N, C-alpha and C. Protein backbone atom coordinates (compact mmCIF):
# COMPACT_ATOMS: atom_id res chain seq x y z
N MET A 1 -50.18 41.98 -170.96
CA MET A 1 -50.60 41.65 -172.31
C MET A 1 -50.27 40.19 -172.58
N TYR A 2 -51.02 39.60 -173.46
CA TYR A 2 -50.82 38.23 -173.83
C TYR A 2 -50.22 38.16 -175.23
N GLY A 3 -49.50 37.10 -175.50
CA GLY A 3 -48.92 36.90 -176.82
C GLY A 3 -48.57 35.44 -176.99
N ARG A 4 -47.75 35.17 -177.99
CA ARG A 4 -47.34 33.80 -178.25
C ARG A 4 -45.83 33.74 -178.38
N SER A 5 -45.25 32.67 -177.91
CA SER A 5 -43.83 32.44 -177.99
C SER A 5 -43.56 31.44 -179.11
N HIS A 6 -42.65 31.78 -180.01
CA HIS A 6 -42.31 30.91 -181.13
C HIS A 6 -40.89 30.40 -180.96
N THR A 7 -40.65 29.17 -181.37
CA THR A 7 -39.29 28.67 -181.41
C THR A 7 -38.69 29.02 -182.77
N HIS A 8 -37.44 28.73 -182.96
CA HIS A 8 -36.78 29.09 -184.22
C HIS A 8 -36.79 27.96 -185.23
N HIS A 9 -37.56 26.93 -184.97
CA HIS A 9 -37.69 25.83 -185.92
C HIS A 9 -38.48 26.33 -187.11
N ARG A 10 -38.00 26.11 -188.31
CA ARG A 10 -38.63 26.68 -189.50
C ARG A 10 -39.85 25.90 -189.98
N GLY A 11 -40.01 24.68 -189.55
CA GLY A 11 -41.14 23.90 -190.05
C GLY A 11 -40.77 23.23 -191.36
N VAL A 12 -41.77 22.76 -192.05
CA VAL A 12 -41.53 22.03 -193.28
C VAL A 12 -42.57 22.46 -194.31
N ALA A 13 -42.21 22.38 -195.57
CA ALA A 13 -43.14 22.73 -196.64
C ALA A 13 -44.32 21.76 -196.61
N GLY A 14 -45.48 22.25 -196.88
CA GLY A 14 -46.67 21.42 -196.84
C GLY A 14 -47.40 21.54 -195.52
N GLY A 15 -46.77 22.09 -194.48
CA GLY A 15 -47.43 22.38 -193.23
C GLY A 15 -47.83 21.17 -192.42
N ARG A 16 -47.03 20.11 -192.45
CA ARG A 16 -47.35 18.94 -191.63
C ARG A 16 -47.26 19.32 -190.17
N TRP A 17 -48.24 18.92 -189.37
CA TRP A 17 -48.36 19.38 -188.00
C TRP A 17 -47.19 18.95 -187.13
N LYS A 18 -46.66 17.74 -187.32
CA LYS A 18 -45.57 17.24 -186.48
C LYS A 18 -44.30 18.07 -186.65
N LYS A 19 -44.11 18.64 -187.82
CA LYS A 19 -42.86 19.34 -188.11
C LYS A 19 -42.95 20.85 -187.89
N ARG A 20 -44.13 21.36 -187.53
CA ARG A 20 -44.27 22.80 -187.37
C ARG A 20 -43.56 23.28 -186.12
N ALA A 21 -43.16 24.54 -186.14
CA ALA A 21 -42.54 25.15 -184.96
C ALA A 21 -43.60 25.32 -183.88
N PRO A 22 -43.36 24.83 -182.66
CA PRO A 22 -44.38 24.96 -181.61
C PRO A 22 -44.54 26.40 -181.16
N LYS A 23 -45.78 26.75 -180.88
CA LYS A 23 -46.10 28.10 -180.39
C LYS A 23 -46.82 27.93 -179.06
N THR A 24 -46.34 28.62 -178.05
CA THR A 24 -46.97 28.53 -176.73
C THR A 24 -47.39 29.92 -176.29
N ASN A 25 -48.44 29.99 -175.50
CA ASN A 25 -48.93 31.27 -174.99
C ASN A 25 -47.99 31.78 -173.90
N ARG A 26 -47.87 33.07 -173.80
CA ARG A 26 -47.04 33.69 -172.78
C ARG A 26 -47.64 35.02 -172.36
N VAL A 27 -47.14 35.56 -171.27
CA VAL A 27 -47.63 36.84 -170.74
C VAL A 27 -46.47 37.82 -170.75
N PHE A 28 -46.70 39.01 -171.27
CA PHE A 28 -45.71 40.07 -171.25
C PHE A 28 -45.90 40.83 -169.94
N LYS A 29 -44.88 40.86 -169.10
CA LYS A 29 -44.99 41.52 -167.81
C LYS A 29 -44.31 42.89 -167.85
N ALA A 30 -44.77 43.79 -166.99
CA ALA A 30 -44.19 45.13 -166.91
C ALA A 30 -42.80 45.04 -166.29
N ASN A 31 -41.91 45.93 -166.72
CA ASN A 31 -40.55 45.98 -166.19
C ASN A 31 -40.56 46.89 -164.96
N LEU A 32 -40.80 46.32 -163.79
CA LEU A 32 -40.92 47.09 -162.56
C LEU A 32 -39.58 47.18 -161.85
N GLN A 33 -39.26 48.37 -161.37
CA GLN A 33 -38.01 48.62 -160.67
C GLN A 33 -38.32 49.28 -159.33
N PRO A 34 -37.60 48.89 -158.27
CA PRO A 34 -37.83 49.53 -156.97
C PRO A 34 -37.25 50.95 -156.97
N MET A 35 -38.03 51.90 -156.50
CA MET A 35 -37.59 53.30 -156.45
C MET A 35 -38.06 53.91 -155.14
N ALA A 36 -37.35 54.93 -154.70
CA ALA A 36 -37.76 55.70 -153.52
C ALA A 36 -38.32 57.03 -154.01
N ILE A 37 -39.55 57.35 -153.59
CA ILE A 37 -40.17 58.60 -153.98
C ILE A 37 -40.55 59.38 -152.73
N ILE A 38 -40.80 60.66 -152.92
CA ILE A 38 -41.23 61.51 -151.81
C ILE A 38 -42.73 61.69 -151.93
N GLU A 39 -43.45 61.28 -150.87
CA GLU A 39 -44.91 61.39 -150.85
C GLU A 39 -45.32 62.00 -149.52
N ASP A 40 -45.95 63.16 -149.56
CA ASP A 40 -46.37 63.90 -148.36
C ASP A 40 -45.20 64.16 -147.42
N GLY A 41 -44.02 64.44 -147.99
CA GLY A 41 -42.84 64.75 -147.19
C GLY A 41 -42.10 63.54 -146.65
N ASP A 42 -42.59 62.34 -146.88
CA ASP A 42 -41.94 61.12 -146.42
C ASP A 42 -41.37 60.36 -147.62
N THR A 43 -40.29 59.62 -147.37
CA THR A 43 -39.70 58.78 -148.40
C THR A 43 -40.40 57.42 -148.37
N VAL A 44 -40.91 57.00 -149.52
CA VAL A 44 -41.65 55.75 -149.64
C VAL A 44 -41.01 54.91 -150.74
N ARG A 45 -40.84 53.60 -150.48
CA ARG A 45 -40.32 52.69 -151.49
C ARG A 45 -41.48 52.11 -152.29
N VAL A 46 -41.43 52.27 -153.62
CA VAL A 46 -42.47 51.75 -154.49
C VAL A 46 -41.81 51.06 -155.68
N ARG A 47 -42.61 50.30 -156.42
CA ARG A 47 -42.13 49.69 -157.65
C ARG A 47 -42.77 50.43 -158.82
N LEU A 48 -41.94 51.00 -159.69
CA LEU A 48 -42.42 51.76 -160.85
C LEU A 48 -41.97 51.08 -162.13
N CYS A 49 -42.79 51.21 -163.17
CA CYS A 49 -42.38 50.69 -164.47
C CYS A 49 -41.33 51.63 -165.07
N THR A 50 -40.50 51.09 -165.94
CA THR A 50 -39.41 51.87 -166.50
C THR A 50 -39.91 53.02 -167.37
N LYS A 51 -41.09 52.87 -167.96
CA LYS A 51 -41.66 53.95 -168.77
C LYS A 51 -41.99 55.15 -167.89
N CYS A 52 -42.52 54.89 -166.68
CA CYS A 52 -42.83 55.98 -165.75
C CYS A 52 -41.55 56.66 -165.26
N ILE A 53 -40.52 55.87 -164.97
CA ILE A 53 -39.25 56.42 -164.50
C ILE A 53 -38.65 57.33 -165.57
N LYS A 54 -38.70 56.87 -166.81
CA LYS A 54 -38.16 57.66 -167.92
C LYS A 54 -38.92 58.97 -168.08
N ARG A 55 -40.26 58.92 -167.95
CA ARG A 55 -41.10 60.10 -168.09
C ARG A 55 -40.78 61.14 -167.00
N VAL A 56 -40.63 60.67 -165.75
CA VAL A 56 -40.35 61.57 -164.64
C VAL A 56 -38.98 62.22 -164.81
N ARG A 57 -37.98 61.44 -165.20
CA ARG A 57 -36.63 62.00 -165.40
C ARG A 57 -36.62 63.03 -166.51
N LYS A 58 -37.38 62.79 -167.59
CA LYS A 58 -37.43 63.75 -168.70
C LYS A 58 -38.13 65.03 -168.25
N ASP A 59 -39.23 64.90 -167.50
CA ASP A 59 -39.93 66.08 -167.01
C ASP A 59 -39.02 66.90 -166.09
N MET A 60 -38.24 66.21 -165.25
CA MET A 60 -37.34 66.92 -164.34
C MET A 60 -36.24 67.65 -165.11
N SER A 61 -35.69 67.01 -166.16
CA SER A 61 -34.63 67.66 -166.93
C SER A 61 -35.16 68.82 -167.77
N ASP A 62 -36.43 68.74 -168.19
CA ASP A 62 -37.04 69.81 -168.97
C ASP A 62 -37.54 70.96 -168.11
N GLY A 63 -37.53 70.78 -166.79
CA GLY A 63 -37.99 71.83 -165.90
C GLY A 63 -39.48 71.80 -165.63
N LYS A 64 -40.18 70.78 -166.11
CA LYS A 64 -41.62 70.66 -165.85
C LYS A 64 -41.82 70.04 -164.47
N LYS A 65 -43.01 70.18 -163.95
CA LYS A 65 -43.32 69.58 -162.66
C LYS A 65 -43.76 68.13 -162.89
N PRO A 66 -42.95 67.14 -162.47
CA PRO A 66 -43.35 65.75 -162.69
C PRO A 66 -44.48 65.35 -161.75
N PHE A 67 -45.17 64.26 -162.07
CA PHE A 67 -46.30 63.82 -161.25
C PHE A 67 -45.85 63.19 -159.95
N LEU A 68 -44.55 62.87 -159.81
CA LEU A 68 -43.99 62.44 -158.53
C LEU A 68 -42.53 62.84 -158.47
N GLN A 69 -41.95 62.81 -157.28
CA GLN A 69 -40.58 63.27 -157.08
C GLN A 69 -39.74 62.12 -156.55
N PHE A 70 -38.60 61.85 -157.20
CA PHE A 70 -37.69 60.81 -156.73
C PHE A 70 -36.95 61.31 -155.51
N ALA A 71 -36.67 60.42 -154.56
CA ALA A 71 -36.01 60.80 -153.32
C ALA A 71 -34.51 60.99 -153.53
N HIS A 72 -33.90 60.21 -154.40
CA HIS A 72 -32.45 60.24 -154.55
C HIS A 72 -31.96 61.20 -155.64
N VAL A 73 -32.85 61.81 -156.39
CA VAL A 73 -32.44 62.70 -157.48
C VAL A 73 -32.53 64.14 -157.01
N LEU A 74 -31.44 64.84 -157.11
CA LEU A 74 -31.43 66.26 -156.76
C LEU A 74 -31.66 67.08 -158.01
N LYS A 75 -32.27 68.23 -157.85
CA LYS A 75 -32.49 69.09 -158.99
C LYS A 75 -31.15 69.62 -159.48
N PRO A 76 -30.90 69.57 -160.79
CA PRO A 76 -29.63 70.06 -161.30
C PRO A 76 -29.53 71.58 -161.18
N SER A 77 -28.38 72.03 -160.72
CA SER A 77 -28.19 73.48 -160.59
C SER A 77 -27.75 74.06 -161.92
N LYS A 78 -27.75 75.39 -162.01
CA LYS A 78 -27.33 76.05 -163.24
C LYS A 78 -25.86 75.82 -163.51
N GLU A 79 -25.04 75.71 -162.46
CA GLU A 79 -23.60 75.48 -162.65
C GLU A 79 -23.34 74.12 -163.27
N ASN A 80 -24.09 73.10 -162.85
CA ASN A 80 -23.90 71.77 -163.42
C ASN A 80 -24.33 71.72 -164.88
N LYS A 81 -25.38 72.45 -165.22
CA LYS A 81 -25.84 72.47 -166.61
C LYS A 81 -24.80 73.14 -167.51
N GLU A 82 -24.15 74.19 -167.01
CA GLU A 82 -23.17 74.91 -167.81
C GLU A 82 -21.92 74.06 -168.04
N LYS A 83 -21.56 73.24 -167.04
CA LYS A 83 -20.38 72.38 -167.17
C LYS A 83 -20.61 71.30 -168.22
N ASN A 84 -21.85 70.77 -168.29
CA ASN A 84 -22.15 69.70 -169.25
C ASN A 84 -22.43 70.31 -170.57
């Protein structure tokens, strides 16, 4: 996504151009994190956005079938749930 970056300069009354706070264009990038997932029985290293990671972890904790499986996360047993 595209947006604009503003400085904290307040500008001046009357809107004189020299005194205005400069605004520059910027790009909002996705927050990608390296993760290991299981794909066709093999462990594969991929980069996932944090929103996807959060969604998969929530699906796993709710007992739903997530759209992918993390390699390092084990399914919680009933004994661990009772302790917490």
